[in-house]
PDB file of N, CA and C in Angstrom:
ATOM      1  N   MET A   1     -13.328  -4.306  -8.105  1.00  0.00           N
ATOM      2  CA  MET A   1     -12.709  -3.145  -8.319  1.00  0.00           C
ATOM      3  C   MET A   1     -13.750  -1.785  -9.485  1.00  0.00           C
ATOM      4  N   ASP A   2     -13.922  -0.645  -9.283  1.00  0.00           N
ATOM      5  CA  ASP A   2     -14.781  -0.325  -9.671  1.00  0.00           C
ATOM      6  C   ASP A   2     -14.091  -0.321 -11.571  1.00  0.00           C
ATOM      7  N   TYR A   3     -14.824  -0.153 -12.728  1.00  0.00           N
ATOM      8  CA  TYR A   3     -13.360  -0.027 -13.499  1.00  0.00           C
ATOM      9  C   TYR A   3     -13.014   0.731 -14.309  1.00  0.00           C
ATOM     10  N   LEU A   4     -13.887   2.075 -13.444  1.00  0.00           N
ATOM     11  CA  LEU A   4     -13.643   3.964 -13.826  1.00  0.00           C
ATOM     12  C   LEU A   4     -11.741   3.701 -13.060  1.00  0.00           C
ATOM     13  N   GLU A   5     -11.904   3.104 -11.936  1.00  0.00           N
ATOM     14  CA  GLU A   5     -10.942   3.116 -11.160  1.00  0.00           C
ATOM     15  C   GLU A   5      -9.890   2.237 -11.736  1.00  0.00           C
ATOM     16  N   ARG A   6      -9.812   1.117 -12.004  1.00  0.00           N
ATOM     17  CA  ARG A   6      -8.602   0.413 -13.083  1.00  0.00           C
ATOM     18  C   ARG A   6      -8.408   1.296 -13.769  1.00  0.00           C
ATOM     19  N   GLN A   7      -9.038   2.055 -14.434  1.00  0.00           N
ATOM     20  CA  GLN A   7      -8.421   3.141 -15.946  1.00  0.00           C
ATOM     21  C   GLN A   7      -7.891   3.640 -15.605  1.00  0.00           C
ATOM     22  N   LYS A   8      -7.966   4.436 -14.205  1.00  0.00           N
ATOM     23  CA  LYS A   8      -7.192   5.352 -13.791  1.00  0.00           C
ATOM     24  C   LYS A   8      -5.371   4.609 -13.353  1.00  0.00           C
ATOM     25  N   ASP A   9      -5.990   3.536 -12.887  1.00  0.00           N
ATOM     26  CA  ASP A   9      -4.708   2.882 -12.720  1.00  0.00           C
ATOM     27  C   ASP A   9      -3.951   2.555 -13.366  1.00  0.00           C
ATOM     28  N   ILE A  10      -4.468   1.467 -14.341  1.00  0.00           N
ATOM     29  CA  ILE A  10      -3.291   1.496 -15.765  1.00  0.00           C
ATOM     30  C   ILE A  10      -2.998   2.719 -16.877  1.00  0.00           C
ATOM     31  N   LYS A  11      -3.503   3.872 -16.365  1.00  0.00           N
ATOM     32  CA  LYS A  11      -3.149   5.340 -17.270  1.00  0.00           C
ATOM     33  C   LYS A  11      -1.995   5.528 -16.680  1.00  0.00           C
ATOM     34  N   ARG A  12      -2.023   5.507 -15.277  1.00  0.00           N
ATOM     35  CA  ARG A  12      -0.572   5.921 -13.910  1.00  0.00           C
ATOM     36  C   ARG A  12       0.405   5.054 -14.613  1.00  0.00           C
ATOM     37  N   GLN A  13       0.100   3.390 -14.602  1.00  0.00           N
ATOM     38  CA  GLN A  13       0.676   2.347 -15.383  1.00  0.00           C
ATOM     39  C   GLN A  13       1.767   3.170 -15.936  1.00  0.00           C
ATOM     40  N   ASN A  14       0.482   3.360 -16.996  1.00  0.00           N
ATOM     41  CA  ASN A  14       1.157   3.546 -18.523  1.00  0.00           C
ATOM     42  C   ASN A  14       2.000   4.377 -18.248  1.00  0.00           C
ATOM     43  N   ASN A  15       2.113   5.766 -17.692  1.00  0.00           N
ATOM     44  CA  ASN A  15       3.128   6.754 -17.337  1.00  0.00           C
ATOM     45  C   ASN A  15       4.145   6.800 -17.119  1.00  0.00           C
ATOM     46  N   ASP A  16       3.546   6.252 -15.896  1.00  0.00           N
ATOM     47  CA  ASP A  16       5.481   5.254 -15.042  1.00  0.00           C
ATOM     48  C   ASP A  16       6.416   4.236 -16.274  1.00  0.00           C
ATOM     49  N   HIS A  17       5.741   3.425 -16.891  1.00  0.00           N
ATOM     50  CA  HIS A  17       6.698   3.151 -17.380  1.00  0.00           C
ATOM     51  C   HIS A  17       7.042   3.630 -18.714  1.00  0.00           C
ATOM     52  N   LYS A  18       6.187   4.653 -18.732  1.00  0.00           N
ATOM     53  CA  LYS A  18       7.168   5.756 -19.967  1.00  0.00           C
ATOM     54  C   LYS A  18       8.093   6.637 -19.318  1.00  0.00           C
ATOM     55  N   ASN A  19       7.835   7.104 -18.176  1.00  0.00           N
ATOM     56  CA  ASN A  19       8.770   7.955 -17.945  1.00  0.00           C
ATOM     57  C   ASN A  19      10.296   6.837 -17.171  1.00  0.00           C
ATOM     58  N   GLY A  20      10.563   5.768 -16.814  1.00  0.00           N
ATOM     59  CA  GLY A  20      11.363   5.370 -16.940  1.00  0.00           C
ATOM     60  C   GLY A  20      10.972   4.939 -15.374  1.00  0.00           C
ATOM     61  N   ARG A  21      10.246   4.708 -14.676  1.00  0.00           N
ATOM     62  CA  ARG A  21       9.521   4.624 -13.510  1.00  0.00           C
ATOM     63  C   ARG A  21       8.896   2.955 -13.686  1.00  0.00           C
ATOM     64  N   SER A  22       9.607   2.411 -11.956  1.00  0.00           N
ATOM     65  CA  SER A  22       8.604   1.116 -11.330  1.00  0.00           C
ATOM     66  C   SER A  22       7.257   1.240 -11.699  1.00  0.00           C
ATOM     67  N   PHE A  23       6.652   0.434 -12.718  1.00  0.00           N
ATOM     68  CA  PHE A  23       5.533  -0.107 -13.392  1.00  0.00           C
ATOM     69  C   PHE A  23       4.112   0.385 -12.432  1.00  0.00           C
ATOM     70  N   ILE A  24       4.570   0.110 -11.214  1.00  0.00           N
ATOM     71  CA  ILE A  24       3.810   0.740  -9.848  1.00  0.00           C
ATOM     72  C   ILE A  24       3.735   1.425  -8.674  1.00  0.00           C
ATOM     73  N   SER A  25       5.217   2.586  -9.351  1.00  0.00           N
ATOM     74  CA  SER A  25       5.189   3.220  -8.342  1.00  0.00           C
ATOM     75  C   SER A  25       4.023   4.155  -7.943  1.00  0.00           C
ATOM     76  N   SER A  26       3.063   4.813  -9.165  1.00  0.00           N
ATOM     77  CA  SER A  26       2.077   5.626  -8.339  1.00  0.00           C
ATOM     78  C   SER A  26       0.893   4.143  -8.463  1.00  0.00           C
ATOM     79  N   LYS A  27       0.967   3.342  -8.407  1.00  0.00           N
ATOM     80  CA  LYS A  27      -0.272   2.684  -7.576  1.00  0.00           C
ATOM     81  C   LYS A  27      -1.422   3.005  -6.718  1.00  0.00           C
ATOM     82  N   ASP A  28      -2.534   3.551  -7.134  1.00  0.00           N
ATOM     83  CA  ASP A  28      -3.461   3.102  -5.612  1.00  0.00           C
ATOM     84  C   ASP A  28      -3.731   2.144  -4.860  1.00  0.00           C
ATOM     85  N   TRP A  29      -3.151   2.342  -3.553  1.00  0.00           N
ATOM     86  CA  TRP A  29      -3.009   0.311  -3.426  1.00  0.00           C
ATOM     87  C   TRP A  29      -4.739   0.976  -2.491  1.00  0.00           C
ATOM     88  N   ASN A  30      -5.338   1.536  -2.251  1.00  0.00           N
ATOM     89  CA  ASN A  30      -5.721   1.926  -1.418  1.00  0.00           C
ATOM     90  C   ASN A  30      -7.646   0.983  -1.926  1.00  0.00           C
ATOM     91  N   THR A  31      -7.452   0.985  -3.467  1.00  0.00           N
ATOM     92  CA  THR A  31      -8.420   0.117  -4.212  1.00  0.00           C
ATOM     93  C   THR A  31      -8.592  -1.279  -4.081  1.00  0.00           C
ATOM     94  N   VAL A  32      -7.217  -1.809  -3.718  1.00  0.00           N
ATOM     95  CA  VAL A  32      -7.236  -3.391  -3.565  1.00  0.00           C
ATOM     96  C   VAL A  32      -7.418  -3.644  -2.205  1.00  0.00           C
ATOM     97  N   LYS A  33      -8.311  -4.735  -2.143  1.00  0.00           N
ATOM     98  CA  LYS A  33      -8.884  -5.569  -1.052  1.00  0.00           C
ATOM     99  C   LYS A  33      -8.510  -6.566  -0.699  1.00  0.00           C
ATOM    100  N   SER A  34      -7.895  -6.756   0.449  1.00  0.00           N
ATOM    101  CA  SER A  34      -7.443  -7.820   0.626  1.00  0.00           C
ATOM    102  C   SER A  34      -7.932  -7.855   2.206  1.00  0.00           C
ATOM    103  N   LYS A  35      -7.363  -9.677   2.467  1.00  0.00           N
ATOM    104  CA  LYS A  35      -7.632 -10.250   3.614  1.00  0.00           C
ATOM    105  C   LYS A  35      -6.820 -11.376   3.934  1.00  0.00           C
ATOM    106  N   PRO A  36      -6.580 -11.202   5.340  1.00  0.00           N
ATOM    107  CA  PRO A  36      -5.517 -12.365   5.622  1.00  0.00           C
ATOM    108  C   PRO A  36      -5.694 -14.036   5.417  1.00  0.00           C
ATOM    109  N   ILE A  37      -5.265 -14.304   4.699  1.00  0.00           N
ATOM    110  CA  ILE A  37      -5.300 -16.267   4.506  1.00  0.00           C
ATOM    111  C   ILE A  37      -4.853 -16.556   5.725  1.00  0.00           C
ATOM    112  N   VAL A  38      -5.475 -17.535   6.410  1.00  0.00           N
ATOM    113  CA  VAL A  38      -4.918 -18.250   7.427  1.00  0.00           C
ATOM    114  C   VAL A  38      -4.512 -20.001   7.192  1.00  0.00           C
ATOM    115  N   ILE A  39      -3.293 -20.786   7.358  1.00  0.00           N
ATOM    116  CA  ILE A  39      -3.735 -21.774   7.145  1.00  0.00           C
ATOM    117  C   ILE A  39      -3.108 -22.107   8.631  1.00  0.00           C
ATOM    118  N   GLU A  40      -3.482 -22.948   9.278  1.00  0.00           N
ATOM    119  CA  GLU A  40      -2.868 -23.622  10.475  1.00  0.00           C
ATOM    120  C   GLU A  40      -2.032 -24.650  10.545  1.00  0.00           C
ATOM    121  N   ASN A  41      -1.646 -25.277  11.956  1.00  0.00           N
ATOM    122  CA  ASN A  41      -0.902 -26.182  11.869  1.00  0.00           C
ATOM    123  C   ASN A  41      -1.039 -27.665  11.065  1.00  0.00           C
ATOM    124  N   ASN A  42      -0.418 -28.535  10.748  1.00  0.00           N
ATOM    125  CA  ASN A  42      -0.292 -29.948   9.835  1.00  0.00           C
ATOM    126  C   ASN A  42      -1.084 -29.492   8.593  1.00  0.00           C
ATOM    127  N   VAL A  43      -0.764 -28.374   8.235  1.00  0.00           N
ATOM    128  CA  VAL A  43      -1.435 -28.593   6.552  1.00  0.00           C
ATOM    129  C   VAL A  43      -0.807 -29.099   5.468  1.00  0.00           C
ATOM    130  N   TRP A  44      -1.525 -29.347   4.481  1.00  0.00           N
ATOM    131  CA  TRP A  44      -0.985 -30.075   3.182  1.00  0.00           C
ATOM    132  C   TRP A  44      -1.033 -29.006   2.490  1.00  0.00           C
ATOM    133  N   VAL A  45      -0.806 -28.036   1.525  1.00  0.00           N
ATOM    134  CA  VAL A  45      -0.717 -27.954   0.274  1.00  0.00           C
ATOM    135  C   VAL A  45      -0.664 -28.143  -0.999  1.00  0.00           C
ATOM    136  N   GLY A  46      -1.270 -28.508  -1.660  1.00  0.00           N
ATOM    137  CA  GLY A  46      -0.633 -28.675  -2.874  1.00  0.00           C
ATOM    138  C   GLY A  46      -0.268 -28.203  -4.175  1.00  0.00           C
ATOM    139  N   PHE A  47       0.048 -28.026  -5.035  1.00  0.00           N
ATOM    140  CA  PHE A  47       0.889 -27.702  -6.263  1.00  0.00           C
ATOM    141  C   PHE A  47      -0.170 -27.035  -6.196  1.00  0.00           C
ATOM    142  N   ASP A  48       0.399 -25.912  -7.130  1.00  0.00           N
ATOM    143  CA  ASP A  48      -0.140 -24.513  -8.393  1.00  0.00           C
ATOM    144  C   ASP A  48      -1.378 -24.545  -7.497  1.00  0.00           C
ATOM    145  N   SER A  49      -2.056 -24.748  -6.330  1.00  0.00           N
ATOM    146  CA  SER A  49      -3.316 -24.346  -5.138  1.00  0.00           C
ATOM    147  C   SER A  49      -3.700 -22.765  -5.364  1.00  0.00           C
ATOM    148  N   VAL A  50      -4.298 -22.214  -5.202  1.00  0.00           N
ATOM    149  CA  VAL A  50      -5.079 -21.135  -5.034  1.00  0.00           C
ATOM    150  C   VAL A  50      -5.699 -20.440  -4.368  1.00  0.00           C
ATOM    151  N   ILE A  51      -5.431 -20.179  -3.071  1.00  0.00           N
ATOM    152  CA  ILE A  51      -6.287 -19.820  -1.975  1.00  0.00           C
ATOM    153  C   ILE A  51      -6.635 -18.385  -1.683  1.00  0.00           C
ATOM    154  N   LEU A  52      -7.987 -18.138  -2.123  1.00  0.00           N
ATOM    155  CA  LEU A  52      -8.204 -16.568  -1.931  1.00  0.00           C
ATOM    156  C   LEU A  52      -7.999 -16.037  -1.055  1.00  0.00           C
ATOM    157  N   SER A  53      -7.552 -15.038  -0.472  1.00  0.00           N
ATOM    158  CA  SER A  53      -7.707 -14.037   0.406  1.00  0.00           C
ATOM    159  C   SER A  53      -9.368 -14.230   1.530  1.00  0.00           C
ATOM    160  N   GLY A  54      -9.011 -14.450   2.347  1.00  0.00           N
ATOM    161  CA  GLY A  54     -10.167 -14.152   3.879  1.00  0.00           C
ATOM    162  C   GLY A  54     -10.090 -15.374   4.361  1.00  0.00           C
ATOM    163  N   VAL A  55     -10.021 -16.529   3.631  1.00  0.00           N
ATOM    164  CA  VAL A  55      -9.911 -18.121   3.273  1.00  0.00           C
ATOM    165  C   VAL A  55      -9.034 -18.484   4.925  1.00  0.00           C
ATOM    166  N   THR A  56      -9.183 -20.046   5.345  1.00  0.00           N
ATOM    167  CA  THR A  56      -8.724 -20.056   7.016  1.00  0.00           C
ATOM    168  C   THR A  56      -8.809 -21.943   6.528  1.00  0.00           C
ATOM    169  N   ILE A  57      -8.027 -22.342   6.272  1.00  0.00           N
ATOM    170  CA  ILE A  57      -7.527 -24.582   6.090  1.00  0.00           C
ATOM    171  C   ILE A  57      -7.621 -24.556   7.983  1.00  0.00           C
ATOM    172  N   GLY A  58      -8.665 -25.189   7.787  1.00  0.00           N
ATOM    173  CA  GLY A  58      -7.930 -25.597   9.232  1.00  0.00           C
ATOM    174  C   GLY A  58      -7.114 -26.782   9.515  1.00  0.00           C
ATOM    175  N   GLU A  59      -6.589 -26.571  10.913  1.00  0.00           N
ATOM    176  CA  GLU A  59      -5.922 -27.955  11.166  1.00  0.00           C
ATOM    177  C   GLU A  59      -6.156 -29.353  10.116  1.00  0.00           C
ATOM    178  N   GLY A  60      -4.576 -29.631  10.214  1.00  0.00           N
ATOM    179  CA  GLY A  60      -4.477 -30.971   9.431  1.00  0.00           C
ATOM    180  C   GLY A  60      -5.261 -31.094   8.326  1.00  0.00           C
ATOM    181  N   ALA A  61      -5.430 -30.389   7.326  1.00  0.00           N
ATOM    182  CA  ALA A  61      -6.096 -30.058   6.419  1.00  0.00           C
ATOM    183  C   ALA A  61      -5.493 -30.862   5.535  1.00  0.00           C
ATOM    184  N   ILE A  62      -6.171 -30.932   4.411  1.00  0.00           N
ATOM    185  CA  ILE A  62      -5.388 -31.405   2.503  1.00  0.00           C
ATOM    186  C   ILE A  62      -6.076 -30.098   1.326  1.00  0.00           C
ATOM    187  N   VAL A  63      -5.285 -29.962   0.944  1.00  0.00           N
ATOM    188  CA  VAL A  63      -5.505 -29.711   0.053  1.00  0.00           C
ATOM    189  C   VAL A  63      -5.121 -29.687  -1.247  1.00  0.00           C
ATOM    190  N   GLY A  64      -6.258 -30.638  -2.712  1.00  0.00           N
ATOM    191  CA  GLY A  64      -5.449 -30.912  -3.501  1.00  0.00           C
ATOM    192  C   GLY A  64      -4.683 -30.041  -4.598  1.00  0.00           C
ATOM    193  N   ALA A  65      -3.326 -30.857  -5.472  1.00  0.00           N
ATOM    194  CA  ALA A  65      -2.849 -29.988  -6.505  1.00  0.00           C
ATOM    195  C   ALA A  65      -3.684 -29.599  -7.619  1.00  0.00           C
ATOM    196  N   ARG A  66      -3.462 -27.766  -7.343  1.00  0.00           N
ATOM    197  CA  ARG A  66      -4.163 -26.989  -8.420  1.00  0.00           C
ATOM    198  C   ARG A  66      -5.712 -26.757  -8.222  1.00  0.00           C
ATOM    199  N   SER A  67      -6.019 -27.014  -7.245  1.00  0.00           N
ATOM    200  CA  SER A  67      -7.492 -26.364  -6.384  1.00  0.00           C
ATOM    201  C   SER A  67      -7.432 -25.335  -5.862  1.00  0.00           C
ATOM    202  N   VAL A  68      -8.748 -24.731  -6.206  1.00  0.00           N
ATOM    203  CA  VAL A  68      -8.733 -23.398  -6.520  1.00  0.00           C
ATOM    204  C   VAL A  68     -10.062 -22.502  -4.293  1.00  0.00           C
ATOM    205  N   VAL A  69      -9.540 -22.648  -3.525  1.00  0.00           N
ATOM    206  CA  VAL A  69     -10.471 -22.781  -2.015  1.00  0.00           C
ATOM    207  C   VAL A  69     -11.042 -21.330  -1.877  1.00  0.00           C
ATOM    208  N   ARG A  70     -12.095 -21.359  -2.300  1.00  0.00           N
ATOM    209  CA  ARG A  70     -12.554 -19.702  -2.261  1.00  0.00           C
ATOM    210  C   ARG A  70     -13.090 -19.509  -0.633  1.00  0.00           C
ATOM    211  N   ASN A  71     -13.507 -21.271  -0.501  1.00  0.00           N
ATOM    212  CA  ASN A  71     -13.899 -20.496   1.293  1.00  0.00           C
ATOM    213  C   ASN A  71     -12.719 -21.351   2.806  1.00  0.00           C
ATOM    214  N   ASP A  72     -13.675 -21.193   3.690  1.00  0.00           N
ATOM    215  CA  ASP A  72     -12.535 -22.004   4.465  1.00  0.00           C
ATOM    216  C   ASP A  72     -13.212 -23.273   4.527  1.00  0.00           C
ATOM    217  N   VAL A  73     -11.894 -23.960   5.018  1.00  0.00           N
ATOM    218  CA  VAL A  73     -11.078 -25.182   4.774  1.00  0.00           C
ATOM    219  C   VAL A  73     -12.116 -25.601   6.152  1.00  0.00           C
ATOM    220  N   GLU A  74     -12.636 -27.056   6.487  1.00  0.00           N
ATOM    221  CA  GLU A  74     -13.153 -27.380   8.130  1.00  0.00           C
ATOM    222  C   GLU A  74     -11.547 -27.965   8.217  1.00  0.00           C
ATOM    223  N   PRO A  75     -11.277 -27.845   9.117  1.00  0.00           N
ATOM    224  CA  PRO A  75      -9.802 -29.394   9.870  1.00  0.00           C
ATOM    225  C   PRO A  75     -10.024 -30.490   9.981  1.00  0.00           C
ATOM    226  N   TRP A  76      -9.182 -31.009   8.757  1.00  0.00           N
ATOM    227  CA  TRP A  76      -9.198 -32.819   9.555  1.00  0.00           C
ATOM    228  C   TRP A  76     -10.131 -32.849   8.044  1.00  0.00           C
ATOM    229  N   THR A  77     -10.098 -32.607   7.026  1.00  0.00           N
ATOM    230  CA  THR A  77     -10.760 -32.984   5.316  1.00  0.00           C
ATOM    231  C   THR A  77      -9.575 -32.505   4.449  1.00  0.00           C
ATOM    232  N   VAL A  78     -10.144 -33.435   3.402  1.00  0.00           N
ATOM    233  CA  VAL A  78      -9.533 -33.222   1.996  1.00  0.00           C
ATOM    234  C   VAL A  78     -10.472 -32.358   1.369  1.00  0.00           C
ATOM    235  N   VAL A  79     -10.002 -31.061   0.504  1.00  0.00           N
ATOM    236  CA  VAL A  79     -10.777 -30.470  -0.755  1.00  0.00           C
ATOM    237  C   VAL A  79      -9.834 -30.867  -1.593  1.00  0.00           C
ATOM    238  N   ALA A  80     -10.370 -30.688  -2.791  1.00  0.00           N
ATOM    239  CA  ALA A  80     -10.041 -30.758  -3.960  1.00  0.00           C
ATOM    240  C   ALA A  80     -11.071 -30.068  -5.404  1.00  0.00           C
ATOM    241  N   GLY A  81     -10.334 -29.284  -6.279  1.00  0.00           N
ATOM    242  CA  GLY A  81     -11.351 -29.062  -7.313  1.00  0.00           C
ATOM    243  C   GLY A  81     -11.489 -27.803  -7.174  1.00  0.00           C
ATOM    244  N   ASN A  82     -11.984 -27.364  -8.754  1.00  0.00           N
ATOM    245  CA  ASN A  82     -12.092 -25.275  -9.231  1.00  0.00           C
ATOM    246  C   ASN A  82     -13.356 -25.557  -8.945  1.00  0.00           C
ATOM    247  N   PRO A  83     -14.442 -24.916  -8.157  1.00  0.00           N
ATOM    248  CA  PRO A  83     -13.659 -24.293  -6.549  1.00  0.00           C
ATOM    249  C   PRO A  83     -13.384 -25.614  -5.436  1.00  0.00           C
ATOM    250  N   ALA A  84     -12.663 -25.592  -5.019  1.00  0.00           N
ATOM    251  CA  ALA A  84     -13.083 -26.722  -4.071  1.00  0.00           C
ATOM    252  C   ALA A  84     -13.776 -27.005  -3.428  1.00  0.00           C
ATOM    253  N   VAL A  85     -14.140 -28.690  -3.083  1.00  0.00           N
ATOM    254  CA  VAL A  85     -15.418 -29.480  -2.814  1.00  0.00           C
ATOM    255  C   VAL A  85     -14.535 -29.920  -1.697  1.00  0.00           C
ATOM    256  N   VAL A  86     -15.245 -30.461   0.085  1.00  0.00           N
ATOM    257  CA  VAL A  86     -15.039 -31.455  -0.011  1.00  0.00           C
ATOM    258  C   VAL A  86     -15.009 -33.161  -0.468  1.00  0.00           C
ATOM    259  N   VAL A  87     -13.794 -33.270  -0.411  1.00  0.00           N
ATOM    260  CA  VAL A  87     -13.591 -35.050  -1.044  1.00  0.00           C
ATOM    261  C   VAL A  87     -13.784 -35.675   0.442  1.00  0.00           C
ATOM    262  N   LYS A  88     -13.444 -35.874   1.308  1.00  0.00           N
ATOM    263  CA  LYS A  88     -13.094 -37.191   1.888  1.00  0.00           C
ATOM    264  C   LYS A  88     -12.856 -35.844   3.574  1.00  0.00           C
ATOM    265  N   ARG A  89     -13.866 -36.535   5.176  1.00  0.00           N
ATOM    266  CA  ARG A  89     -13.263 -36.235   6.429  1.00  0.00           C
ATOM    267  C   ARG A  89     -12.382 -36.733   6.733  1.00  0.00           C
ATOM    268  N   LEU A  90     -11.240 -36.745   7.382  1.00  0.00           N
ATOM    269  CA  LEU A  90      -9.832 -37.263   7.714  1.00  0.00           C
ATOM    270  C   LEU A  90     -10.622 -37.939   9.311  1.00  0.00           C
ATOM    271  N   LYS A  91     -11.169 -37.390  10.279  1.00  0.00           N
ATOM    272  CA  LYS A  91     -11.753 -37.653  11.322  1.00  0.00           C
ATOM    273  C   LYS A  91     -13.014 -37.836  11.499  1.00  0.00           C
TER     274      LYS A  91
END
């Protein structure tokens, strides 16, 4: 996000808060970029893991606890760490 757009967003949020409105009532959601996360069947995701937008976790994959997944995870693999890397292949 462009820092100037973020500054405008913060000013709007502060105004909303000062006037008793919801903190995000006038948020400009057009500046928020998002992509779907796909988690296929038989996947385990460990506690407190973060999966970033646009990532696909393949069938049967395991994501270790507290991992940060930035890239797609191949089916039947174990990933862990920050950033998550392949630790083991299951098939």
